[in-house]
Each structure stands twice: as C-alpha cells, then as structure tokens.
Amino acid sequence: MRLADQQLSQGNAFFRNRSFIPLILFPFAFFVTRQSVFQHPEWFQHSAINLPEMVCLALCGLGLFIRIMTVGFTPANTSGRNTAQQLADELNTTGIYSIVRHPLYLGNYFMWLGIAVLSANMMFLFVFSLLYFIFYERIMLAEEDFLASKFGDTYSQWSQQAPTIVPAPSLWKSCELHFSWKKVLAKEKNGILAVFTLLAVFQLWVDYVQSGILRLPHGWTLIGLGLTALLYIVLKLLKYNTQLLSEKNR
C-alpha cells in the first residue's frame, strides 16, 4: 500500500474514534501526575483551586470558545460529531473557516491540552501535543481528501488561502448565517460535561496520592459537575422529545 493511501486509511479509522483517542494517554498522565504531586506539593492544594486547575480551565475555556464560534455559525450536516463516515452537505468558507481550515480540531486541542496540564509535567505536555498532531494530521488528511473529491475547485481555492490549523485573522470573512445558540446547546453539551468529569477524576487521583484515601473532589468541581450533568440531561431530553432545539437548516 502506498504511504499516502496508508495514511488515508489510518485517518479514516482515527476519524471514527477521534473523541476517544486522547484517552489512550491517561495511564501515563496519572503516572506523571503522581510524580508532580511529590515534586511540587504546593501546586496541588485541596482547599482551593490550584495553579494547574486554573490553567486547565483557561485552556478548556479557549477551546470551548473556538468550538462554539465554529458550530454556532455553520449550517446543517457540517461541523458535526458524526463518526460513522465523513459528512458535508456544503463547504464552510466564511467566519472562522475563513481563517483556519480545521477550527474544531484546534478547539479540541486546547480542551485536551487543558486536561493534560493537570499533570503539571512539561515533558508530558510535549509528548501529548506531538502525538495529538500525529493522530489528527491523518484525520485532517482523510477529511480533506473527502472534501476535495466532493467540492473540487471550490475546495482547492479555499484550501490554498486558509491555513490548516494556525489561524490567520487577516483573512477573516463575515459569516452568512446568524449565530445559533440552539445548535451550540445541542452539539456542545458533551464537551462541557467532559471537562468537569475529567477534573473530578484528576482530583480524586491527586488526593489519593497525597493521603492514601479517596476523598470527594473540590466543592467547586462538584458544583460544576452537578450543573453540567443536569444541563446535559435536560438538553438531551429536549433534543429527543421536543422541537425546542431544532432550527431549520441548522
């Protein structure tokens, strides 16, 4: 098999499992976090939000903001969470897509990087970033191959202007659609819940390393986890039992 074909095959396989691929590194994250707890105990206070958690929330917030600004301005059957196969009824070239071709993967990177920061280990952050882009390079390759075959010259012209993953703000073109909070709420509830769930898991691990016993996560984390879990359940029920989150062509 040609190298290009092999990378495309890998990209399509990774695409179907892209939401879970970063979890492969979690055993290593717990190991290096244990080392960081012993080396820098002042960074892991239980009584209040600590430094790694503050950086985590800032990066996750940035990633979530990028995803919201992407999803909120896109039409139906684009920029989705589909995993079975590639899907695009039209090509997005305005708004955030005018300055970067893969904004969702950029947003995902910052959100996962925020979780990785909880390890407080620079080498782990470097390895995580390297492996993330090796995996996602193949996913982007497969996605671009699909888009190029479907949209032809239109895709070629857009891809020659918009950068792959590092935004170029000077290329900004206003969106043709209005911002849809309904689509954001329907699509992005998973990410918000995941952030607080993973925060709670790391806090449980840090407390176990420090004291040898399992304690409840920090109070603010429990509140955030409870609220986001409630929001997730409510939005899930609204999505499948009502039309409140439905919007024509979105």
Protein backbone atom coordinates (compact mmCIF):
# COMPACT_ATOMS: atom_id res chain seq x y z
CA MET A 1 0.00 0.00 0.00
CA ARG A 2 1.32 3.46 -0.87
CA LEU A 3 2.27 5.64 2.09
CA ALA A 4 -0.39 8.21 1.14
CA ASP A 5 -3.06 5.50 0.94
CA GLN A 6 -1.90 4.07 4.26
CA GLN A 7 -2.17 7.48 5.92
CA LEU A 8 -5.66 7.97 4.45
CA SER A 9 -6.73 4.57 5.77
CA GLN A 10 -5.37 5.42 9.20
CA GLY A 11 -7.04 8.83 9.07
CA ASN A 12 -10.46 7.32 8.36
CA ALA A 13 -10.01 4.83 11.21
CA PHE A 14 -8.91 7.60 13.58
CA PHE A 15 -11.82 9.77 12.43
CA ARG A 16 -14.32 7.21 13.68
CA ASN A 17 -12.65 7.16 17.10
CA ARG A 18 -11.34 10.72 17.31
CA SER A 19 -13.23 11.60 20.50
CA PHE A 20 -11.54 8.81 22.45
CA ILE A 21 -8.01 8.69 21.01
CA PRO A 22 -6.50 11.15 23.57
CA LEU A 23 -7.76 8.91 26.39
CA ILE A 24 -5.03 6.41 25.44
CA LEU A 25 -2.55 8.68 27.23
CA PHE A 26 -4.44 8.77 30.52
CA PRO A 27 -2.48 5.97 32.25
CA PHE A 28 0.71 7.93 31.53
CA ALA A 29 -0.97 11.16 32.71
CA PHE A 30 -1.76 9.58 36.09
CA PHE A 31 1.82 8.33 36.42
CA VAL A 32 3.43 11.72 35.73
CA THR A 33 0.84 13.49 37.88
CA ARG A 34 1.90 11.30 40.79
CA GLN A 35 5.49 12.44 40.26
CA SER A 36 4.42 16.09 40.08
CA VAL A 37 2.50 15.82 43.35
CA PHE A 38 5.66 14.73 45.15
CA GLN A 39 7.90 17.25 43.40
CA HIS A 40 5.60 20.28 43.69
CA PRO A 41 3.10 19.69 46.53
CA GLU A 42 2.39 23.44 46.69
CA TRP A 43 0.70 23.20 43.27
CA PHE A 44 -1.89 20.68 44.46
CA GLN A 45 -3.92 22.27 47.26
CA HIS A 46 -7.19 20.60 48.12
CA SER A 47 -8.81 23.56 49.88
CA ALA A 48 -8.92 25.90 46.86
CA ILE A 49 -8.44 25.95 43.11
CA ASN A 50 -4.76 25.35 42.40
CA LEU A 51 -2.44 26.53 39.62
CA PRO A 52 -2.77 23.54 37.25
CA GLU A 53 -6.56 23.74 37.59
CA MET A 54 -6.61 27.46 36.78
CA VAL A 55 -4.53 26.90 33.65
CA CYS A 56 -6.73 23.91 32.78
CA LEU A 57 -9.93 25.95 32.97
CA ALA A 58 -8.41 28.78 30.92
CA LEU A 59 -7.29 26.43 28.11
CA CYS A 60 -10.52 24.43 28.15
CA GLY A 61 -12.46 27.69 28.03
CA LEU A 62 -10.45 28.82 25.00
CA GLY A 63 -11.01 25.52 23.24
CA LEU A 64 -14.72 25.57 24.01
CA PHE A 65 -14.98 29.16 22.76
CA ILE A 66 -13.37 28.16 19.44
CA ARG A 67 -15.79 25.25 19.09
CA ILE A 68 -18.79 27.44 19.93
CA MET A 69 -17.77 30.09 17.39
CA THR A 70 -17.41 27.31 14.83
CA VAL A 71 -20.57 25.31 15.46
CA GLY A 72 -22.80 28.33 16.06
CA PHE A 73 -22.31 29.71 12.56
CA THR A 74 -22.46 26.54 10.47
CA PRO A 75 -25.39 25.05 8.51
CA ALA A 76 -26.87 21.59 8.99
CA ASN A 77 -24.77 18.50 8.23
CA THR A 78 -21.44 20.27 8.59
CA SER A 79 -19.01 20.53 11.52
CA GLY A 80 -20.82 17.71 13.28
CA ARG A 81 -19.93 14.93 15.70
CA ASN A 82 -20.60 12.21 13.13
CA THR A 83 -18.27 9.24 13.48
CA ALA A 84 -19.55 6.59 11.05
CA GLN A 85 -18.37 8.48 7.95
CA GLN A 86 -17.36 11.84 6.56
CA LEU A 87 -20.31 14.22 6.13
CA ALA A 88 -20.59 17.64 4.48
CA ASP A 89 -23.59 18.93 2.55
CA GLU A 90 -21.74 22.16 1.77
CA LEU A 91 -18.31 23.68 2.24
CA ASN A 92 -17.83 26.19 5.08
CA THR A 93 -15.52 29.00 3.97
CA THR A 94 -16.69 32.03 5.99
CA GLY A 95 -16.41 33.03 9.62
CA ILE A 96 -13.78 31.07 11.49
CA TYR A 97 -13.38 28.78 8.47
CA SER A 98 -12.05 31.74 6.51
CA ILE A 99 -9.01 31.95 8.80
CA VAL A 100 -8.36 28.24 9.55
CA ARG A 101 -9.49 25.03 7.84
CA HIS A 102 -9.85 22.84 10.94
CA PRO A 103 -11.12 25.03 13.79
CA LEU A 104 -12.88 22.19 15.61
CA TYR A 105 -9.67 20.21 15.88
CA LEU A 106 -7.89 23.34 17.08
CA GLY A 107 -10.57 23.79 19.73
CA ASN A 108 -10.28 20.12 20.69
CA TYR A 109 -6.53 20.51 21.10
CA PHE A 110 -6.86 23.33 23.62
CA MET A 111 -9.54 21.45 25.57
CA TRP A 112 -7.44 18.28 25.76
CA LEU A 113 -4.31 20.33 26.47
CA GLY A 114 -6.15 21.88 29.42
CA ILE A 115 -6.78 18.42 30.85
CA ALA A 116 -3.17 17.40 30.18
CA VAL A 117 -1.97 20.47 32.12
CA LEU A 118 -3.41 18.88 35.27
CA SER A 119 -0.38 16.58 35.21
CA ALA A 120 1.88 19.63 35.79
CA ASN A 121 4.58 17.94 33.71
CA MET A 122 6.14 19.77 30.76
CA MET A 123 7.51 16.62 29.13
CA PHE A 124 4.08 15.02 29.18
CA LEU A 125 2.58 18.15 27.60
CA PHE A 126 5.18 17.99 24.83
CA VAL A 127 4.57 14.29 24.17
CA PHE A 128 0.81 14.81 24.28
CA SER A 129 0.98 17.68 21.76
CA LEU A 130 3.25 15.70 19.43
CA LEU A 131 1.05 12.60 19.44
CA TYR A 132 -2.12 14.69 19.14
CA PHE A 133 -0.91 16.27 15.91
CA ILE A 134 0.37 12.95 14.53
CA PHE A 135 -3.10 11.45 15.03
CA TYR A 136 -5.02 14.48 13.84
CA GLU A 137 -2.76 15.10 10.84
CA ARG A 138 -4.05 11.83 9.45
CA ILE A 139 -7.64 12.67 10.34
CA MET A 140 -7.30 16.05 8.60
CA LEU A 141 -5.72 14.35 5.59
CA ALA A 142 -8.67 11.96 5.28
CA GLU A 143 -11.18 14.78 5.77
CA GLU A 144 -9.51 16.99 3.17
CA ASP A 145 -9.37 14.11 0.69
CA PHE A 146 -13.14 13.69 1.11
CA LEU A 147 -13.83 17.42 0.74
CA ALA A 148 -11.55 17.76 -2.29
CA SER A 149 -13.30 14.89 -4.07
CA LYS A 150 -16.74 16.34 -3.29
CA PHE A 151 -16.20 20.07 -3.85
CA GLY A 152 -13.36 20.08 -6.38
CA ASP A 153 -12.06 23.51 -7.43
CA THR A 154 -14.06 25.31 -4.74
CA TYR A 155 -12.20 23.35 -2.08
CA SER A 156 -8.84 23.79 -3.82
CA GLN A 157 -9.20 27.58 -3.95
CA TRP A 158 -10.25 27.80 -0.30
CA SER A 159 -7.53 25.43 0.92
CA GLN A 160 -4.84 27.49 -0.84
CA GLN A 161 -5.86 30.54 1.21
CA ALA A 162 -6.96 29.32 4.65
CA PRO A 163 -4.19 27.79 6.85
CA THR A 164 -4.55 24.23 8.08
CA ILE A 165 -4.50 24.66 11.86
CA VAL A 166 -2.85 28.01 12.80
CA PRO A 167 -5.41 30.82 12.29
CA ALA A 168 -4.67 33.83 10.07
CA PRO A 169 -7.02 36.57 11.41
CA SER A 170 -6.26 38.90 8.50
CA LEU A 171 -8.19 36.57 6.16
CA TRP A 172 -11.47 36.93 8.11
CA LYS A 173 -14.71 36.95 6.10
CA SER A 174 -18.03 37.54 7.85
CA CYS A 175 -20.45 34.64 8.22
CA GLU A 176 -23.51 34.39 6.02
CA LEU A 177 -25.61 32.76 8.75
CA HIS A 178 -26.72 34.11 12.12
CA PHE A 179 -25.32 32.59 15.30
CA SER A 180 -27.42 29.67 16.56
CA TRP A 181 -27.40 29.06 20.32
CA LYS A 182 -29.79 26.18 19.73
CA LYS A 183 -27.21 24.32 17.66
CA VAL A 184 -24.47 25.09 20.17
CA LEU A 185 -26.51 23.78 23.08
CA ALA A 186 -27.48 20.66 21.14
CA LYS A 187 -23.93 19.88 19.99
CA GLU A 188 -21.55 21.12 22.70
CA LYS A 189 -23.13 19.82 25.91
CA ASN A 190 -20.81 16.78 25.82
CA GLY A 191 -17.62 18.84 25.97
CA ILE A 192 -18.63 20.92 28.99
CA LEU A 193 -19.62 17.83 30.99
CA ALA A 194 -16.41 16.05 29.96
CA VAL A 195 -14.21 18.87 31.31
CA PHE A 196 -15.70 18.73 34.81
CA THR A 197 -15.79 14.92 34.79
CA LEU A 198 -12.08 14.71 33.98
CA LEU A 199 -11.29 17.44 36.50
CA ALA A 200 -13.03 15.38 39.18
CA VAL A 201 -11.13 12.24 38.16
CA PHE A 202 -7.77 14.01 38.41
CA GLN A 203 -8.67 15.49 41.80
CA LEU A 204 -9.61 12.06 43.11
CA TRP A 205 -6.25 10.72 41.93
CA VAL A 206 -4.24 13.62 43.39
CA ASP A 207 -5.96 13.29 46.77
CA TYR A 208 -5.33 9.55 46.78
CA VAL A 209 -1.64 10.11 46.01
CA GLN A 210 -1.38 12.72 48.79
CA SER A 211 -3.32 10.97 51.54
CA GLY A 212 -3.77 7.35 50.51
CA ILE A 213 -7.57 7.69 50.73
CA LEU A 214 -10.28 8.70 48.29
CA ARG A 215 -11.97 11.99 49.08
CA LEU A 216 -14.66 13.89 47.26
CA PRO A 217 -13.38 16.31 44.61
CA HIS A 218 -13.23 20.01 45.44
CA GLY A 219 -16.53 21.70 46.23
CA TRP A 220 -16.44 23.96 43.18
CA THR A 221 -15.76 20.95 40.96
CA LEU A 222 -18.72 19.05 42.40
CA ILE A 223 -20.96 22.07 41.79
CA GLY A 224 -19.69 22.40 38.23
CA LEU A 225 -20.08 18.67 37.63
CA GLY A 226 -23.59 18.65 39.03
CA LEU A 227 -24.71 21.66 37.00
CA THR A 228 -23.19 20.43 33.74
CA ALA A 229 -24.63 16.94 34.29
CA LEU A 230 -28.06 18.46 34.88
CA LEU A 231 -27.66 20.65 31.79
CA TYR A 232 -26.65 17.61 29.75
CA ILE A 233 -29.68 15.59 30.85
CA VAL A 234 -32.11 18.49 30.25
CA LEU A 235 -30.70 19.24 26.79
CA LYS A 236 -30.70 15.56 25.89
CA LEU A 237 -34.37 15.27 26.83
CA LEU A 238 -35.24 18.45 24.95
CA LYS A 239 -33.39 17.26 21.86
CA TYR A 240 -35.14 13.90 21.61
CA ASN A 241 -38.58 14.77 22.99
CA THR A 242 -39.27 18.32 21.76
CA GLN A 243 -38.51 20.67 18.89
CA LEU A 244 -37.12 23.44 21.12
CA LEU A 245 -33.53 22.89 19.96
CA SER A 246 -34.49 22.36 16.33
CA GLU A 247 -33.84 25.08 13.78
CA LYS A 248 -34.40 24.90 10.03
CA ASN A 249 -31.21 24.21 8.04
CA ARG A 250 -29.11 24.26 11.25
